[in-house]
Amino acid sequence: MCRIVVFLLIGLLTACSQPASQSPDVIDASAVQSQRMNGPATATYLTTLYARKFPNCNKVDSQPAFLCSGVMIRVTEKDPNNTYKVWDPSPTSIRNGGINFSYLRVDSNFGRLAWDNANGYILYPVLERPATTDQLQTLCIYPMDSHGWHRSSTAVCVAHAAFPEGGHCQDANILTGEQFKAAWDKAPDNKNKRQCDFDVRDDRNTLAGPAFFQALQAKILLGAAGFREWNDVLIKTWPAGQPNKLPILAFFYLGSSTDPTQLADAKYNQRDFYDSTNPKIIVPIIRVELAASPTGTATFTYAAADQEITQ
């Protein structure tokens, strides 16, 4: 996959030659990249990202859909001692080289977040992140919870030692959602550990976009089982201590949670991020409601009362 900076240059050149009426999966990122959005605009933008059912970005197979659509979401737990930052890599991520997210989209819903946690943060899509933030590298996606802690302590997107079929899907000749479902259904036990990952690394070029889209198709085909569990997206571990360079779009909490500490933790994280950045950055808190069914709709809401800091 060509470097994203090349994509942006190509996108700009292409835009100059296109008619004014563009197809809905061709993205004009300039409005988003120019500045960070306020809270209401962020909620609207998340709703838009969630609704984009793109097979790829800009009709280019080397641009997987996560670059311009969907909601890349990570659950976190606040340090009770208030020492580490939730946006920095954990010791586990430093050892194995990857940070876990889930990817939520209207055509790839799930009804639970990892570990049943109810707060965390959401990233900008790569092609629409603020220009001053880093380009994070997405490595692979598992249609279901990867059980990564059982796979390796020193690497991500790898097979469990006992289940070699659980490496990259292309190495097992699994290239479509249908083939993934067949392998999942055939597995006699340990389905999560046996599942392969769809490899979307940059160097896969035009194979990366179709691989990511087929991972979304696999989750749909798994039906109720797919909806009961989150998917796993591994992003390459980034350096700690650089909050201004992180493309964090929002902190969030689940509105369905009855635990008041979830919003309290989101408020703490918003304040902590603001205090840690220079120049100061206010990242809004968004209330997320997951879909109630595979064909339902998640919602993203901004409320002034939820904010520790307001713009």
C-alpha atoms as a PDB file:
ATOM      1  CA  MET A   1       0.000   0.000   0.000  1.00  0.00           C
ATOM      2  CA  CYS A   2       1.482   3.335  -1.016  1.00  0.00           C
ATOM      3  CA  ARG A   3       2.216   5.808   1.697  1.00  0.00           C
ATOM      4  CA  ILE A   4      -0.691   7.962   2.844  1.00  0.00           C
ATOM      5  CA  VAL A   5       1.136  11.155   1.983  1.00  0.00           C
ATOM      6  CA  VAL A   6       1.181   9.887  -1.607  1.00  0.00           C
ATOM      7  CA  PHE A   7      -2.545   9.139  -1.328  1.00  0.00           C
ATOM      8  CA  LEU A   8      -3.228  12.708  -0.279  1.00  0.00           C
ATOM      9  CA  LEU A   9      -1.252  14.118  -3.190  1.00  0.00           C
ATOM     10  CA  ILE A  10      -3.027  11.793  -5.604  1.00  0.00           C
ATOM     11  CA  GLY A  11      -6.364  12.718  -4.038  1.00  0.00           C
ATOM     12  CA  LEU A  12      -5.671  16.414  -4.542  1.00  0.00           C
ATOM     13  CA  LEU A  13      -4.620  15.905  -8.154  1.00  0.00           C
ATOM     14  CA  THR A  14      -7.638  13.714  -8.821  1.00  0.00           C
ATOM     15  CA  ALA A  15      -9.989  16.235  -7.236  1.00  0.00           C
ATOM     16  CA  CYS A  16      -8.832  18.866  -9.709  1.00  0.00           C
ATOM     17  CA  SER A  17      -9.962  16.718 -12.638  1.00  0.00           C
ATOM     18  CA  GLN A  18     -13.282  15.497 -11.216  1.00  0.00           C
ATOM     19  CA  PRO A  19     -16.664  17.065 -11.880  1.00  0.00           C
ATOM     20  CA  ALA A  20     -18.349  18.951  -9.067  1.00  0.00           C
ATOM     21  CA  SER A  21     -20.731  16.063  -8.329  1.00  0.00           C
ATOM     22  CA  GLN A  22     -18.573  13.396  -6.672  1.00  0.00           C
ATOM     23  CA  SER A  23     -19.639   9.913  -5.697  1.00  0.00           C
ATOM     24  CA  PRO A  24     -20.267   9.527  -1.933  1.00  0.00           C
ATOM     25  CA  ASP A  25     -17.142   7.441  -1.346  1.00  0.00           C
ATOM     26  CA  VAL A  26     -14.754  10.133  -2.601  1.00  0.00           C
ATOM     27  CA  ILE A  27     -13.700  12.175   0.422  1.00  0.00           C
ATOM     28  CA  ASP A  28     -12.830  15.854   0.695  1.00  0.00           C
ATOM     29  CA  ALA A  29     -10.785  15.879   3.900  1.00  0.00           C
ATOM     30  CA  SER A  30      -9.825  19.554   3.841  1.00  0.00           C
ATOM     31  CA  ALA A  31     -12.698  20.783   6.004  1.00  0.00           C
ATOM     32  CA  VAL A  32     -11.950  18.269   8.745  1.00  0.00           C
ATOM     33  CA  GLN A  33      -8.175  18.625   8.615  1.00  0.00           C
ATOM     34  CA  SER A  34      -8.181  22.413   8.894  1.00  0.00           C
ATOM     35  CA  GLN A  35      -9.029  22.506  12.598  1.00  0.00           C
ATOM     36  CA  ARG A  36     -10.410  20.447  15.468  1.00  0.00           C
ATOM     37  CA  MET A  37     -14.180  20.480  15.791  1.00  0.00           C
ATOM     38  CA  ASN A  38     -16.352  21.569  18.688  1.00  0.00           C
ATOM     39  CA  GLY A  39     -18.547  19.103  20.561  1.00  0.00           C
ATOM     40  CA  PRO A  40     -21.772  19.264  18.502  1.00  0.00           C
ATOM     41  CA  ALA A  41     -19.792  19.095  15.256  1.00  0.00           C
ATOM     42  CA  THR A  42     -17.857  16.099  16.587  1.00  0.00           C
ATOM     43  CA  ALA A  43     -21.077  14.199  17.338  1.00  0.00           C
ATOM     44  CA  THR A  44     -22.373  14.967  13.852  1.00  0.00           C
ATOM     45  CA  TYR A  45     -19.085  13.900  12.292  1.00  0.00           C
ATOM     46  CA  LEU A  46     -19.064  10.600  14.209  1.00  0.00           C
ATOM     47  CA  THR A  47     -22.588   9.918  12.989  1.00  0.00           C
ATOM     48  CA  THR A  48     -21.386  10.539   9.438  1.00  0.00           C
ATOM     49  CA  LEU A  49     -18.337   8.287   9.815  1.00  0.00           C
ATOM     50  CA  TYR A  50     -20.459   5.515  11.300  1.00  0.00           C
ATOM     51  CA  ALA A  51     -22.901   5.667   8.371  1.00  0.00           C
ATOM     52  CA  ARG A  52     -20.273   5.520   5.605  1.00  0.00           C
ATOM     53  CA  LYS A  53     -20.509   2.007   4.150  1.00  0.00           C
ATOM     54  CA  PHE A  54     -17.460   2.361   1.935  1.00  0.00           C
ATOM     55  CA  PRO A  55     -15.625  -0.687   0.537  1.00  0.00           C
ATOM     56  CA  ASN A  56     -12.482   1.475   0.412  1.00  0.00           C
ATOM     57  CA  CYS A  57     -11.547   5.159   0.252  1.00  0.00           C
ATOM     58  CA  ASN A  58     -11.592   7.231  -2.923  1.00  0.00           C
ATOM     59  CA  LYS A  59     -12.383   4.076  -4.936  1.00  0.00           C
ATOM     60  CA  VAL A  60      -8.813   2.863  -4.483  1.00  0.00           C
ATOM     61  CA  ASP A  61      -8.105  -0.669  -3.227  1.00  0.00           C
ATOM     62  CA  SER A  62      -4.852   0.441  -1.611  1.00  0.00           C
ATOM     63  CA  GLN A  63      -6.857   2.744   0.692  1.00  0.00           C
ATOM     64  CA  PRO A  64      -8.753   0.541   3.192  1.00  0.00           C
ATOM     65  CA  ALA A  65     -12.091   1.848   4.423  1.00  0.00           C
ATOM     66  CA  PHE A  66     -10.796   2.582   7.938  1.00  0.00           C
ATOM     67  CA  LEU A  67      -8.831   5.493   6.471  1.00  0.00           C
ATOM     68  CA  CYS A  68     -12.026   7.468   5.828  1.00  0.00           C
ATOM     69  CA  SER A  69     -15.018   5.736   7.424  1.00  0.00           C
ATOM     70  CA  GLY A  70     -16.210   4.009  10.587  1.00  0.00           C
ATOM     71  CA  VAL A  71     -15.442   4.703  14.229  1.00  0.00           C
ATOM     72  CA  MET A  72     -12.087   3.499  15.604  1.00  0.00           C
ATOM     73  CA  ILE A  73     -12.760   3.107  19.313  1.00  0.00           C
ATOM     74  CA  ARG A  74     -10.643   1.986  22.283  1.00  0.00           C
ATOM     75  CA  VAL A  75     -11.812   1.247  25.815  1.00  0.00           C
ATOM     76  CA  THR A  76      -9.589   2.365  28.682  1.00  0.00           C
ATOM     77  CA  GLU A  77      -9.365   2.182  32.452  1.00  0.00           C
ATOM     78  CA  LYS A  78      -8.236   5.190  34.441  1.00  0.00           C
ATOM     79  CA  ASP A  79      -5.268   4.609  36.709  1.00  0.00           C
ATOM     80  CA  PRO A  80      -6.572   4.808  40.299  1.00  0.00           C
ATOM     81  CA  ASN A  81      -3.267   6.422  41.257  1.00  0.00           C
ATOM     82  CA  ASN A  82      -3.591   9.031  38.502  1.00  0.00           C
ATOM     83  CA  THR A  83      -0.090   8.420  37.187  1.00  0.00           C
ATOM     84  CA  TYR A  84      -0.271   6.916  33.695  1.00  0.00           C
ATOM     85  CA  LYS A  85      -2.142   8.438  30.761  1.00  0.00           C
ATOM     86  CA  VAL A  86      -4.882   6.398  29.094  1.00  0.00           C
ATOM     87  CA  TRP A  87      -3.739   7.477  25.619  1.00  0.00           C
ATOM     88  CA  ASP A  88      -0.177   6.250  26.153  1.00  0.00           C
ATOM     89  CA  PRO A  89       0.778   2.640  25.322  1.00  0.00           C
ATOM     90  CA  SER A  90       0.422   0.113  28.127  1.00  0.00           C
ATOM     91  CA  PRO A  91       3.433  -2.005  29.139  1.00  0.00           C
ATOM     92  CA  THR A  92       1.833  -4.887  27.216  1.00  0.00           C
ATOM     93  CA  SER A  93       1.569  -2.789  24.044  1.00  0.00           C
ATOM     94  CA  ILE A  94       5.170  -1.671  24.381  1.00  0.00           C
ATOM     95  CA  ARG A  95       6.252  -5.324  24.565  1.00  0.00           C
ATOM     96  CA  ASN A  96       4.134  -6.692  21.731  1.00  0.00           C
ATOM     97  CA  GLY A  97       4.115  -3.693  19.394  1.00  0.00           C
ATOM     98  CA  GLY A  98       0.356  -3.221  19.026  1.00  0.00           C
ATOM     99  CA  ILE A  99      -2.561  -1.331  20.586  1.00  0.00           C
ATOM    100  CA  ASN A 100      -6.070  -2.804  20.442  1.00  0.00           C
ATOM    101  CA  PHE A 101      -9.058  -0.937  19.035  1.00  0.00           C
ATOM    102  CA  SER A 102     -12.447  -1.935  17.700  1.00  0.00           C
ATOM    103  CA  TYR A 103     -14.006  -0.685  14.476  1.00  0.00           C
ATOM    104  CA  LEU A 104     -17.686   0.235  14.577  1.00  0.00           C
ATOM    105  CA  ARG A 105     -19.778   0.916  11.488  1.00  0.00           C
ATOM    106  CA  VAL A 106     -23.470   0.698  10.630  1.00  0.00           C
ATOM    107  CA  ASP A 107     -22.870  -2.405   8.507  1.00  0.00           C
ATOM    108  CA  SER A 108     -20.591  -4.022  11.112  1.00  0.00           C
ATOM    109  CA  ASN A 109     -22.330  -3.489  14.442  1.00  0.00           C
ATOM    110  CA  PHE A 110     -21.559  -5.113  17.762  1.00  0.00           C
ATOM    111  CA  GLY A 111     -23.423  -4.887  21.043  1.00  0.00           C
ATOM    112  CA  ARG A 112     -20.532  -4.929  23.523  1.00  0.00           C
ATOM    113  CA  LEU A 113     -17.199  -3.207  23.894  1.00  0.00           C
ATOM    114  CA  ALA A 114     -14.028  -5.035  24.897  1.00  0.00           C
ATOM    115  CA  TRP A 115     -14.078  -6.343  28.456  1.00  0.00           C
ATOM    116  CA  ASP A 116     -17.559  -4.793  28.784  1.00  0.00           C
ATOM    117  CA  ASN A 117     -15.817  -1.504  29.558  1.00  0.00           C
ATOM    118  CA  ALA A 118     -17.820   1.660  29.029  1.00  0.00           C
ATOM    119  CA  ASN A 119     -15.423   4.557  28.416  1.00  0.00           C
ATOM    120  CA  GLY A 120     -12.343   5.365  26.385  1.00  0.00           C
ATOM    121  CA  TYR A 121     -11.451   7.386  23.296  1.00  0.00           C
ATOM    122  CA  ILE A 122     -12.028   7.517  19.544  1.00  0.00           C
ATOM    123  CA  LEU A 123      -9.500   8.306  16.802  1.00  0.00           C
ATOM    124  CA  TYR A 124      -9.863  10.437  13.720  1.00  0.00           C
ATOM    125  CA  PRO A 125      -9.731   8.396  10.502  1.00  0.00           C
ATOM    126  CA  VAL A 126      -6.251   8.667   9.013  1.00  0.00           C
ATOM    127  CA  LEU A 127      -7.177  10.633   5.901  1.00  0.00           C
ATOM    128  CA  GLU A 128      -9.163  13.196   7.894  1.00  0.00           C
ATOM    129  CA  ARG A 129      -7.001  13.689  10.966  1.00  0.00           C
ATOM    130  CA  PRO A 130      -5.736  17.169  11.914  1.00  0.00           C
ATOM    131  CA  ALA A 131      -2.639  18.022   9.902  1.00  0.00           C
ATOM    132  CA  THR A 132      -0.487  18.401  13.035  1.00  0.00           C
ATOM    133  CA  THR A 133      -1.130  14.833  14.243  1.00  0.00           C
ATOM    134  CA  ASP A 134       0.730  11.631  13.462  1.00  0.00           C
ATOM    135  CA  GLN A 135      -0.293   9.024  10.922  1.00  0.00           C
ATOM    136  CA  LEU A 136      -0.886   5.839  12.919  1.00  0.00           C
ATOM    137  CA  GLN A 137      -0.259   2.479  11.256  1.00  0.00           C
ATOM    138  CA  THR A 138      -3.052  -0.114  11.242  1.00  0.00           C
ATOM    139  CA  LEU A 139      -1.711  -3.662  11.085  1.00  0.00           C
ATOM    140  CA  CYS A 140      -4.588  -6.150  11.003  1.00  0.00           C
ATOM    141  CA  ILE A 141      -8.212  -6.800  11.923  1.00  0.00           C
ATOM    142  CA  TYR A 142      -9.853  -9.828  13.523  1.00  0.00           C
ATOM    143  CA  PRO A 143     -13.618 -10.069  12.883  1.00  0.00           C
ATOM    144  CA  MET A 144     -14.048 -11.283  16.472  1.00  0.00           C
ATOM    145  CA  ASP A 145     -12.229 -10.789  19.786  1.00  0.00           C
ATOM    146  CA  SER A 146      -8.726 -12.043  19.016  1.00  0.00           C
ATOM    147  CA  HIS A 147      -7.843 -13.365  22.490  1.00  0.00           C
ATOM    148  CA  GLY A 148      -4.528 -11.724  21.754  1.00  0.00           C
ATOM    149  CA  TRP A 149      -3.221 -12.148  25.294  1.00  0.00           C
ATOM    150  CA  HIS A 150      -3.120 -15.905  24.581  1.00  0.00           C
ATOM    151  CA  ARG A 151      -1.345 -15.562  21.231  1.00  0.00           C
ATOM    152  CA  SER A 152       1.965 -13.896  22.039  1.00  0.00           C
ATOM    153  CA  SER A 153       3.501 -11.546  24.576  1.00  0.00           C
ATOM    154  CA  THR A 154       5.998 -10.164  22.058  1.00  0.00           C
ATOM    155  CA  ALA A 155       4.030  -9.735  18.800  1.00  0.00           C
ATOM    156  CA  VAL A 156       0.563  -8.996  17.417  1.00  0.00           C
ATOM    157  CA  CYS A 157      -1.276 -10.303  14.356  1.00  0.00           C
ATOM    158  CA  VAL A 158       0.278 -13.730  14.893  1.00  0.00           C
ATOM    159  CA  ALA A 159      -1.027 -17.246  15.458  1.00  0.00           C
ATOM    160  CA  HIS A 160      -1.442 -18.961  18.810  1.00  0.00           C
ATOM    161  CA  ALA A 161       1.309 -21.566  19.201  1.00  0.00           C
ATOM    162  CA  ALA A 162      -1.258 -24.393  19.314  1.00  0.00           C
ATOM    163  CA  PHE A 163      -3.318 -23.109  16.373  1.00  0.00           C
ATOM    164  CA  PRO A 164      -1.075 -22.231  13.411  1.00  0.00           C
ATOM    165  CA  GLU A 165      -4.111 -21.590  11.207  1.00  0.00           C
ATOM    166  CA  GLY A 166      -4.670 -18.398  13.228  1.00  0.00           C
ATOM    167  CA  GLY A 167      -2.017 -16.310  11.469  1.00  0.00           C
ATOM    168  CA  HIS A 168      -2.690 -14.018   8.507  1.00  0.00           C
ATOM    169  CA  CYS A 169      -5.811 -15.079   6.621  1.00  0.00           C
ATOM    170  CA  GLN A 170      -4.066 -14.951   3.246  1.00  0.00           C
ATOM    171  CA  ASP A 171      -1.582 -17.570   4.487  1.00  0.00           C
ATOM    172  CA  ALA A 172      -4.520 -19.914   5.150  1.00  0.00           C
ATOM    173  CA  ASN A 173      -6.044 -19.082   1.734  1.00  0.00           C
ATOM    174  CA  ILE A 174      -8.908 -17.266   3.450  1.00  0.00           C
ATOM    175  CA  LEU A 175      -9.599 -14.227   1.301  1.00  0.00           C
ATOM    176  CA  THR A 176     -13.329 -13.611   1.727  1.00  0.00           C
ATOM    177  CA  GLY A 177     -15.866 -13.214   4.491  1.00  0.00           C
ATOM    178  CA  GLU A 178     -17.533 -16.437   3.377  1.00  0.00           C
ATOM    179  CA  GLN A 179     -14.274 -18.363   3.689  1.00  0.00           C
ATOM    180  CA  PHE A 180     -13.679 -16.898   7.137  1.00  0.00           C
ATOM    181  CA  LYS A 181     -17.146 -17.947   8.292  1.00  0.00           C
ATOM    182  CA  ALA A 182     -16.621 -21.462   6.944  1.00  0.00           C
ATOM    183  CA  ALA A 183     -13.369 -21.760   8.909  1.00  0.00           C
ATOM    184  CA  TRP A 184     -15.017 -20.316  12.036  1.00  0.00           C
ATOM    185  CA  ASP A 185     -17.940 -22.735  11.797  1.00  0.00           C
ATOM    186  CA  LYS A 186     -15.618 -25.682  11.180  1.00  0.00           C
ATOM    187  CA  ALA A 187     -13.391 -25.000  14.204  1.00  0.00           C
ATOM    188  CA  PRO A 188     -14.247 -27.583  16.894  1.00  0.00           C
ATOM    189  CA  ASP A 189     -13.217 -25.357  19.805  1.00  0.00           C
ATOM    190  CA  ASN A 190     -11.191 -22.254  20.681  1.00  0.00           C
ATOM    191  CA  LYS A 191     -12.735 -20.402  17.759  1.00  0.00           C
ATOM    192  CA  ASN A 192     -11.353 -17.015  18.803  1.00  0.00           C
ATOM    193  CA  LYS A 193      -7.813 -18.330  19.119  1.00  0.00           C
ATOM    194  CA  ARG A 194      -8.070 -20.247  15.846  1.00  0.00           C
ATOM    195  CA  GLN A 195      -9.376 -17.301  13.795  1.00  0.00           C
ATOM    196  CA  CYS A 196      -7.011 -15.672  11.340  1.00  0.00           C
ATOM    197  CA  ASP A 197      -6.433 -11.943  10.936  1.00  0.00           C
ATOM    198  CA  PHE A 198      -7.056  -9.921   7.805  1.00  0.00           C
ATOM    199  CA  ASP A 199      -3.701  -8.292   7.090  1.00  0.00           C
ATOM    200  CA  VAL A 200      -3.992  -4.594   6.185  1.00  0.00           C
ATOM    201  CA  ARG A 201      -0.394  -3.476   6.591  1.00  0.00           C
ATOM    202  CA  ASP A 202       0.787  -0.639   4.392  1.00  0.00           C
ATOM    203  CA  ASP A 203       3.001  -2.836   2.239  1.00  0.00           C
ATOM    204  CA  ARG A 204       0.069  -5.012   1.102  1.00  0.00           C
ATOM    205  CA  ASN A 205      -0.833  -2.210  -1.289  1.00  0.00           C
ATOM    206  CA  THR A 206      -3.971  -3.024  -3.333  1.00  0.00           C
ATOM    207  CA  LEU A 207      -4.671  -6.150  -1.264  1.00  0.00           C
ATOM    208  CA  ALA A 208      -5.199  -4.153   1.932  1.00  0.00           C
ATOM    209  CA  GLY A 209      -8.516  -2.523   1.024  1.00  0.00           C
ATOM    210  CA  PRO A 210     -10.276  -5.745  -0.012  1.00  0.00           C
ATOM    211  CA  ALA A 211      -8.875  -7.545   3.044  1.00  0.00           C
ATOM    212  CA  PHE A 212     -10.341  -4.991   5.437  1.00  0.00           C
ATOM    213  CA  PHE A 213     -13.710  -4.992   3.696  1.00  0.00           C
ATOM    214  CA  GLN A 214     -13.871  -8.793   3.797  1.00  0.00           C
ATOM    215  CA  ALA A 215     -13.243  -8.683   7.559  1.00  0.00           C
ATOM    216  CA  LEU A 216     -16.362  -6.523   7.875  1.00  0.00           C
ATOM    217  CA  GLN A 217     -18.287  -8.946   5.676  1.00  0.00           C
ATOM    218  CA  ALA A 218     -17.164 -11.842   7.881  1.00  0.00           C
ATOM    219  CA  LYS A 219     -18.618 -10.164  10.953  1.00  0.00           C
ATOM    220  CA  ILE A 220     -21.941  -9.625   9.185  1.00  0.00           C
ATOM    221  CA  LEU A 221     -22.048 -13.261   8.047  1.00  0.00           C
ATOM    222  CA  LEU A 222     -21.492 -14.481  11.609  1.00  0.00           C
ATOM    223  CA  GLY A 223     -24.900 -13.025  12.464  1.00  0.00           C
ATOM    224  CA  ALA A 224     -25.923 -13.062  16.120  1.00  0.00           C
ATOM    225  CA  ALA A 225     -22.554 -14.497  17.172  1.00  0.00           C
ATOM    226  CA  GLY A 226     -20.784 -11.667  15.377  1.00  0.00           C
ATOM    227  CA  PHE A 227     -22.973  -9.066  17.043  1.00  0.00           C
ATOM    228  CA  ARG A 228     -22.310 -10.417  20.545  1.00  0.00           C
ATOM    229  CA  GLU A 229     -18.579  -9.668  20.320  1.00  0.00           C
ATOM    230  CA  TRP A 230     -16.432  -6.740  19.322  1.00  0.00           C
ATOM    231  CA  ASN A 231     -13.829  -7.011  16.594  1.00  0.00           C
ATOM    232  CA  ASP A 232     -10.124  -6.404  17.187  1.00  0.00           C
ATOM    233  CA  VAL A 233      -8.022  -3.935  15.202  1.00  0.00           C
ATOM    234  CA  LEU A 234      -4.304  -3.733  15.969  1.00  0.00           C
ATOM    235  CA  ILE A 235      -2.567  -0.396  15.488  1.00  0.00           C
ATOM    236  CA  LYS A 236       1.212  -0.166  15.721  1.00  0.00           C
ATOM    237  CA  THR A 237       2.350   1.076  19.130  1.00  0.00           C
ATOM    238  CA  TRP A 238       3.153   4.787  19.122  1.00  0.00           C
ATOM    239  CA  PRO A 239       5.626   6.675  21.343  1.00  0.00           C
ATOM    240  CA  ALA A 240       4.452   7.696  24.805  1.00  0.00           C
ATOM    241  CA  GLY A 241       4.406  11.272  26.013  1.00  0.00           C
ATOM    242  CA  GLN A 242       3.336  13.016  22.788  1.00  0.00           C
ATOM    243  CA  PRO A 243      -0.350  13.888  23.294  1.00  0.00           C
ATOM    244  CA  ASN A 244      -0.375  16.794  20.840  1.00  0.00           C
ATOM    245  CA  LYS A 245       0.572  14.397  18.045  1.00  0.00           C
ATOM    246  CA  LEU A 246      -2.223  11.902  18.714  1.00  0.00           C
ATOM    247  CA  PRO A 247      -5.301  12.119  16.442  1.00  0.00           C
ATOM    248  CA  ILE A 248      -7.845  11.758  19.259  1.00  0.00           C
ATOM    249  CA  LEU A 249     -11.271  12.836  18.062  1.00  0.00           C
ATOM    250  CA  ALA A 250     -13.308  12.263  21.227  1.00  0.00           C
ATOM    251  CA  PHE A 251     -13.412  10.750  24.660  1.00  0.00           C
ATOM    252  CA  PHE A 252     -16.569   8.727  25.182  1.00  0.00           C
ATOM    253  CA  TYR A 253     -18.712   6.868  27.650  1.00  0.00           C
ATOM    254  CA  LEU A 254     -21.612   4.478  27.088  1.00  0.00           C
ATOM    255  CA  GLY A 255     -24.919   6.098  27.929  1.00  0.00           C
ATOM    256  CA  SER A 256     -26.382   2.672  28.687  1.00  0.00           C
ATOM    257  CA  SER A 257     -23.967   2.149  31.571  1.00  0.00           C
ATOM    258  CA  THR A 258     -25.433   2.438  35.062  1.00  0.00           C
ATOM    259  CA  ASP A 259     -21.968   2.996  36.527  1.00  0.00           C
ATOM    260  CA  PRO A 260     -21.466   6.722  37.274  1.00  0.00           C
ATOM    261  CA  THR A 261     -17.695   6.306  37.273  1.00  0.00           C
ATOM    262  CA  GLN A 262     -17.731   5.861  33.474  1.00  0.00           C
ATOM    263  CA  LEU A 263     -18.665   9.486  32.823  1.00  0.00           C
ATOM    264  CA  ALA A 264     -16.472  10.582  35.736  1.00  0.00           C
ATOM    265  CA  ASP A 265     -13.507   8.787  34.160  1.00  0.00           C
ATOM    266  CA  ALA A 266     -14.229  10.350  30.770  1.00  0.00           C
ATOM    267  CA  LYS A 267     -14.249  13.771  32.434  1.00  0.00           C
ATOM    268  CA  TYR A 268     -10.961  13.005  34.166  1.00  0.00           C
ATOM    269  CA  ASN A 269      -9.414  11.931  30.852  1.00  0.00           C
ATOM    270  CA  GLN A 270     -10.647  15.078  29.114  1.00  0.00           C
ATOM    271  CA  ARG A 271      -9.095  17.261  31.813  1.00  0.00           C
ATOM    272  CA  ASP A 272      -5.898  15.197  31.916  1.00  0.00           C
ATOM    273  CA  PHE A 273      -5.458  15.447  28.145  1.00  0.00           C
ATOM    274  CA  TYR A 274      -6.069  19.195  28.226  1.00  0.00           C
ATOM    275  CA  ASP A 275      -3.524  19.650  31.018  1.00  0.00           C
ATOM    276  CA  SER A 276      -0.994  17.435  29.202  1.00  0.00           C
ATOM    277  CA  THR A 277      -1.098  19.228  25.849  1.00  0.00           C
ATOM    278  CA  ASN A 278       0.764  22.365  24.811  1.00  0.00           C
ATOM    279  CA  PRO A 279      -0.816  24.196  23.071  1.00  0.00           C
ATOM    280  CA  LYS A 280      -3.937  23.121  24.961  1.00  0.00           C
ATOM    281  CA  ILE A 281      -6.405  20.831  23.185  1.00  0.00           C
ATOM    282  CA  ILE A 282     -10.008  20.338  24.280  1.00  0.00           C
ATOM    283  CA  VAL A 283     -11.280  16.940  23.151  1.00  0.00           C
ATOM    284  CA  PRO A 284     -15.065  16.655  23.596  1.00  0.00           C
ATOM    285  CA  ILE A 285     -16.806  13.871  25.512  1.00  0.00           C
ATOM    286  CA  ILE A 286     -19.420  12.041  23.457  1.00  0.00           C
ATOM    287  CA  ARG A 287     -22.151   9.779  24.782  1.00  0.00           C
ATOM    288  CA  VAL A 288     -22.260   6.588  22.710  1.00  0.00           C
ATOM    289  CA  GLU A 289     -25.202   4.203  22.510  1.00  0.00           C
ATOM    290  CA  LEU A 290     -24.403   0.938  20.738  1.00  0.00           C
ATOM    291  CA  ALA A 291     -26.953  -0.628  18.412  1.00  0.00           C
ATOM    292  CA  ALA A 292     -29.451  -3.000  20.015  1.00  0.00           C
ATOM    293  CA  SER A 293     -29.302  -5.438  17.086  1.00  0.00           C
ATOM    294  CA  PRO A 294     -27.094  -6.210  14.070  1.00  0.00           C
ATOM    295  CA  THR A 295     -29.345  -4.055  11.892  1.00  0.00           C
ATOM    296  CA  GLY A 296     -29.808  -1.324  14.506  1.00  0.00           C
ATOM    297  CA  THR A 297     -28.101   2.050  14.697  1.00  0.00           C
ATOM    298  CA  ALA A 298     -25.541   3.359  17.175  1.00  0.00           C
ATOM    299  CA  THR A 299     -25.829   6.998  18.236  1.00  0.00           C
ATOM    300  CA  PHE A 300     -23.311   9.685  19.149  1.00  0.00           C
ATOM    301  CA  THR A 301     -24.464  12.611  21.279  1.00  0.00           C
ATOM    302  CA  TYR A 302     -22.791  15.709  22.686  1.00  0.00           C
ATOM    303  CA  ALA A 303     -24.166  17.229  25.904  1.00  0.00           C
ATOM    304  CA  ALA A 304     -22.692  20.295  27.577  1.00  0.00           C
ATOM    305  CA  ALA A 305     -23.446  18.780  30.990  1.00  0.00           C
ATOM    306  CA  ASP A 306     -21.116  15.850  30.224  1.00  0.00           C
ATOM    307  CA  GLN A 307     -18.067  18.077  29.752  1.00  0.00           C
ATOM    308  CA  GLU A 308     -15.374  18.800  32.310  1.00  0.00           C
ATOM    309  CA  ILE A 309     -14.006  21.508  29.993  1.00  0.00           C
ATOM    310  CA  THR A 310     -16.003  23.376  27.359  1.00  0.00           C
ATOM    311  CA  GLN A 311     -14.873  25.384  24.379  1.00  0.00           C
END
